[in-house]
Amino acid sequence: MKLVLASKNPKKLKELGEILSALGVEVLSEDQAGVDVEVEETGTTFAENAKLKAVAVMQASGLPAVADDSGLCVDALNGAPGVYSARYGGPGLDDAGRYKLLLENMRGQLDRRCKFVSAICCAFPNGDIVEAYGECPGTLAYAPKGTDGFGYDPIFFVPEQKKTFAELTAEEKNAISHRGRALAQFREKLEVYKQTHKE
């Protein structure tokens, strides 16, 4: 089985490829599938945005496509930045600019509870949809720590580990992360789907 990843992020391609290779699934980039799709993420939930991306790339490539939409939800900000995590603060900001803005907006706020959320959707040409979901609770650090990871990882503190996501090894992070949990669930669901839809 071949799946096209509805993302231009090479880190996601590598991560998904490693997880699904054991199922005999080959994960292709949009480039490899010969498609270049810009999807407007108009959904109000992570699941809606993941589905929009997966369906658009599936329709463009004619192959099953998988997408994930993920972000950081902060309790004290009513769940923001949420689905706007990648666009928080506008187009002029990079990852560091976004998390610095978030820390600024949280200045003086004692309730630091937050969670990372990941929704995964796989859309098949026959209309079938396989979805998975994962989340990881944590607290917002007062200052960035660590150099690994990306996005909001340097300010996402995991109390059990006493470290931010950016201080964890890839293996440690994947074992507890929102995306790691969503991908584990997705892998199980895809395995069942493959068994019930044998050619």
Protein backbone atom coordinates (compact mmCIF):
# COMPACT_ATOMS: atom_id res chain seq x y z
CA MET A 1 0.00 0.00 0.00
CA LYS A 2 1.19 3.50 -0.82
CA LEU A 3 0.09 6.60 1.08
CA VAL A 4 0.86 10.18 0.14
CA LEU A 5 1.71 12.48 3.05
CA ALA A 6 -0.25 15.72 2.77
CA SER A 7 2.58 17.84 4.15
CA LYS A 8 5.78 19.44 2.90
CA ASN A 9 7.52 18.79 6.23
CA PRO A 10 10.43 16.33 5.72
CA LYS A 11 10.52 15.53 9.48
CA LYS A 12 6.91 14.33 9.35
CA LEU A 13 7.64 12.25 6.24
CA LYS A 14 10.57 10.49 7.96
CA GLU A 15 8.59 9.93 11.19
CA LEU A 16 5.54 8.50 9.41
CA GLY A 17 7.66 6.39 7.07
CA GLU A 18 9.46 4.76 10.00
CA ILE A 19 6.24 4.00 11.88
CA LEU A 20 4.31 2.57 8.92
CA SER A 21 7.10 0.65 7.16
CA ALA A 22 6.48 -2.30 9.50
CA LEU A 23 2.96 -2.58 8.02
CA GLY A 24 4.37 -2.73 4.51
CA VAL A 25 3.14 0.81 3.83
CA GLU A 26 5.27 3.09 1.69
CA VAL A 27 4.82 6.78 2.48
CA LEU A 28 5.38 9.14 -0.45
CA SER A 29 5.97 12.87 -0.36
CA GLU A 30 3.73 15.14 -2.42
CA ASP A 31 6.72 15.62 -4.76
CA GLN A 32 7.09 11.87 -5.27
CA ALA A 33 3.37 11.61 -6.02
CA GLY A 34 3.65 14.47 -8.50
CA VAL A 35 1.27 16.80 -6.69
CA ASP A 36 1.62 20.25 -5.16
CA VAL A 37 -1.50 21.16 -3.20
CA GLU A 38 -2.02 24.26 -1.09
CA VAL A 39 -4.95 23.59 1.22
CA GLU A 40 -6.67 26.42 3.04
CA GLU A 41 -7.12 25.22 6.61
CA THR A 42 -10.61 26.57 7.24
CA GLY A 43 -11.63 23.94 9.82
CA THR A 44 -12.44 24.91 13.39
CA THR A 45 -10.95 21.68 14.80
CA PHE A 46 -7.72 19.77 14.23
CA ALA A 47 -9.73 16.82 12.86
CA GLU A 48 -11.50 19.01 10.28
CA ASN A 49 -8.21 20.49 9.04
CA ALA A 50 -6.53 17.07 8.82
CA LYS A 51 -9.46 15.81 6.73
CA LEU A 52 -9.39 18.85 4.42
CA LYS A 53 -5.69 18.24 3.70
CA ALA A 54 -5.98 14.46 3.28
CA VAL A 55 -8.98 14.64 0.93
CA ALA A 56 -7.40 17.38 -1.23
CA VAL A 57 -4.15 15.45 -1.72
CA MET A 58 -6.02 12.16 -2.27
CA GLN A 59 -8.12 13.81 -5.00
CA ALA A 60 -5.04 15.38 -6.63
CA SER A 61 -2.91 12.20 -6.54
CA GLY A 62 -5.52 9.46 -6.93
CA LEU A 63 -3.78 7.64 -4.06
CA PRO A 64 -4.75 7.29 -0.38
CA ALA A 65 -3.43 10.35 1.47
CA VAL A 66 -2.67 10.93 5.13
CA ALA A 67 -2.51 14.27 6.93
CA ASP A 68 -2.11 15.44 10.46
CA ASP A 69 -3.08 18.70 12.05
CA SER A 70 -1.66 19.51 15.42
CA GLY A 71 -1.11 22.37 17.79
CA LEU A 72 -0.88 23.69 21.30
CA CYS A 73 -3.96 24.49 23.41
CA VAL A 74 -3.42 26.68 26.48
CA ASP A 75 -6.10 26.56 29.20
CA ALA A 76 -5.65 30.17 30.36
CA LEU A 77 -6.07 31.42 26.76
CA ASN A 78 -9.31 29.46 26.20
CA GLY A 79 -7.51 26.85 24.11
CA ALA A 80 -5.47 29.28 21.98
CA PRO A 81 -3.41 29.18 19.86
CA GLY A 82 -5.17 25.87 18.98
CA VAL A 83 -5.80 25.36 15.24
CA TYR A 84 -3.93 28.61 14.61
CA SER A 85 -0.72 27.35 16.27
CA ALA A 86 1.32 27.45 13.05
CA ARG A 87 -0.04 30.90 12.15
CA TYR A 88 -0.06 32.46 15.64
CA GLY A 89 0.92 36.12 15.52
CA GLY A 90 0.69 36.33 11.73
CA PRO A 91 2.89 35.34 8.79
CA GLY A 92 5.95 37.37 9.82
CA LEU A 93 6.90 35.13 12.75
CA ASP A 94 9.10 32.01 12.84
CA ASP A 95 8.84 29.26 15.49
CA ALA A 96 10.84 31.26 18.05
CA GLY A 97 8.80 34.39 17.34
CA ARG A 98 5.56 32.49 17.92
CA TYR A 99 6.56 30.95 21.24
CA LYS A 100 8.02 34.25 22.47
CA LEU A 101 4.70 35.95 21.66
CA LEU A 102 2.85 33.19 23.53
CA LEU A 103 5.09 33.62 26.59
CA GLU A 104 4.49 37.38 26.43
CA ASN A 105 0.71 36.83 26.29
CA MET A 106 1.02 34.53 29.34
CA ARG A 107 3.04 37.00 31.40
CA GLY A 108 1.79 37.02 35.01
CA GLN A 109 -0.52 34.07 34.35
CA LEU A 110 -0.17 31.39 37.05
CA ASP A 111 -2.35 28.74 35.38
CA ARG A 112 0.19 27.25 32.94
CA ARG A 113 -1.77 24.10 32.00
CA CYS A 114 -1.76 23.23 28.32
CA LYS A 115 -1.80 20.27 25.96
CA PHE A 116 -0.49 19.33 22.56
CA VAL A 117 -3.12 17.79 20.28
CA SER A 118 -2.71 15.79 17.07
CA ALA A 119 -5.46 14.64 14.71
CA ILE A 120 -4.62 12.28 11.85
CA CYS A 121 -6.81 11.54 8.84
CA CYS A 122 -6.28 9.11 5.99
CA ALA A 123 -8.58 9.51 2.98
CA PHE A 124 -8.99 6.70 0.45
CA PRO A 125 -10.13 7.09 -3.20
CA ASN A 126 -13.16 4.85 -2.46
CA GLY A 127 -14.44 7.39 0.08
CA ASP A 128 -13.25 5.56 3.20
CA ILE A 129 -11.75 7.62 6.02
CA VAL A 130 -9.50 6.40 8.85
CA GLU A 131 -8.97 8.87 11.70
CA ALA A 132 -6.87 8.90 14.87
CA TYR A 133 -6.33 11.34 17.72
CA GLY A 134 -3.75 11.88 20.44
CA GLU A 135 -2.95 14.43 23.09
CA CYS A 136 -0.20 15.08 25.61
CA PRO A 137 -0.82 17.22 28.72
CA GLY A 138 1.86 19.52 30.06
CA THR A 139 2.54 22.99 31.40
CA LEU A 140 3.92 26.11 29.78
CA ALA A 141 7.50 26.88 30.80
CA TYR A 142 8.40 30.45 31.76
CA ALA A 143 11.37 30.45 29.36
CA PRO A 144 12.47 28.26 26.43
CA LYS A 145 14.77 25.31 27.17
CA GLY A 146 16.37 22.75 24.89
CA THR A 147 17.42 22.74 21.24
CA ASP A 148 15.67 19.72 19.75
CA GLY A 149 12.22 19.47 18.21
CA PHE A 150 10.39 22.31 16.52
CA GLY A 151 7.44 24.65 16.97
CA TYR A 152 6.49 25.16 20.60
CA ASP A 153 8.66 22.29 21.89
CA PRO A 154 11.11 24.54 23.86
CA ILE A 155 8.30 25.93 26.05
CA PHE A 156 6.20 22.76 26.47
CA PHE A 157 7.19 21.30 29.84
CA VAL A 158 6.37 17.70 30.76
CA PRO A 159 6.20 17.45 34.58
CA GLU A 160 6.80 13.64 34.68
CA GLN A 161 10.02 14.05 32.68
CA LYS A 162 11.02 17.35 34.33
CA LYS A 163 12.00 18.51 30.83
CA THR A 164 10.58 20.40 27.88
CA PHE A 165 9.87 18.56 24.62
CA ALA A 166 12.98 20.25 23.19
CA GLU A 167 15.14 18.62 25.89
CA LEU A 168 13.90 15.07 25.22
CA THR A 169 15.51 12.63 22.80
CA ALA A 170 13.41 11.76 19.74
CA GLU A 171 12.65 8.34 21.29
CA GLU A 172 11.56 9.86 24.62
CA LYS A 173 9.37 12.41 22.86
CA ASN A 174 7.74 9.90 20.47
CA ALA A 175 6.84 7.63 23.41
CA ILE A 176 4.68 10.29 25.07
CA SER A 177 3.92 12.95 22.46
CA HIS A 178 0.52 13.78 21.02
CA ARG A 179 1.69 12.81 17.55
CA GLY A 180 3.33 9.62 18.83
CA ARG A 181 0.05 8.61 20.50
CA ALA A 182 -2.06 9.55 17.46
CA LEU A 183 0.31 7.65 15.13
CA ALA A 184 0.23 4.55 17.36
CA GLN A 185 -3.58 4.61 17.22
CA PHE A 186 -3.50 5.29 13.47
CA ARG A 187 -1.14 2.38 12.89
CA GLU A 188 -3.50 0.01 14.72
CA LYS A 189 -6.54 1.28 12.79
CA LEU A 190 -4.69 1.09 9.46
CA GLU A 191 -3.63 -2.48 10.20
CA VAL A 192 -7.28 -3.44 10.78
CA TYR A 193 -8.32 -1.54 7.64
CA LYS A 194 -5.72 -3.34 5.54
CA GLN A 195 -6.86 -6.75 6.83
CA THR A 196 -10.52 -6.03 6.05
CA HIS A 197 -9.80 -4.52 2.62
CA LYS A 198 -7.42 -7.06 1.12
CA GLU A 199 -7.34 -6.85 -2.65
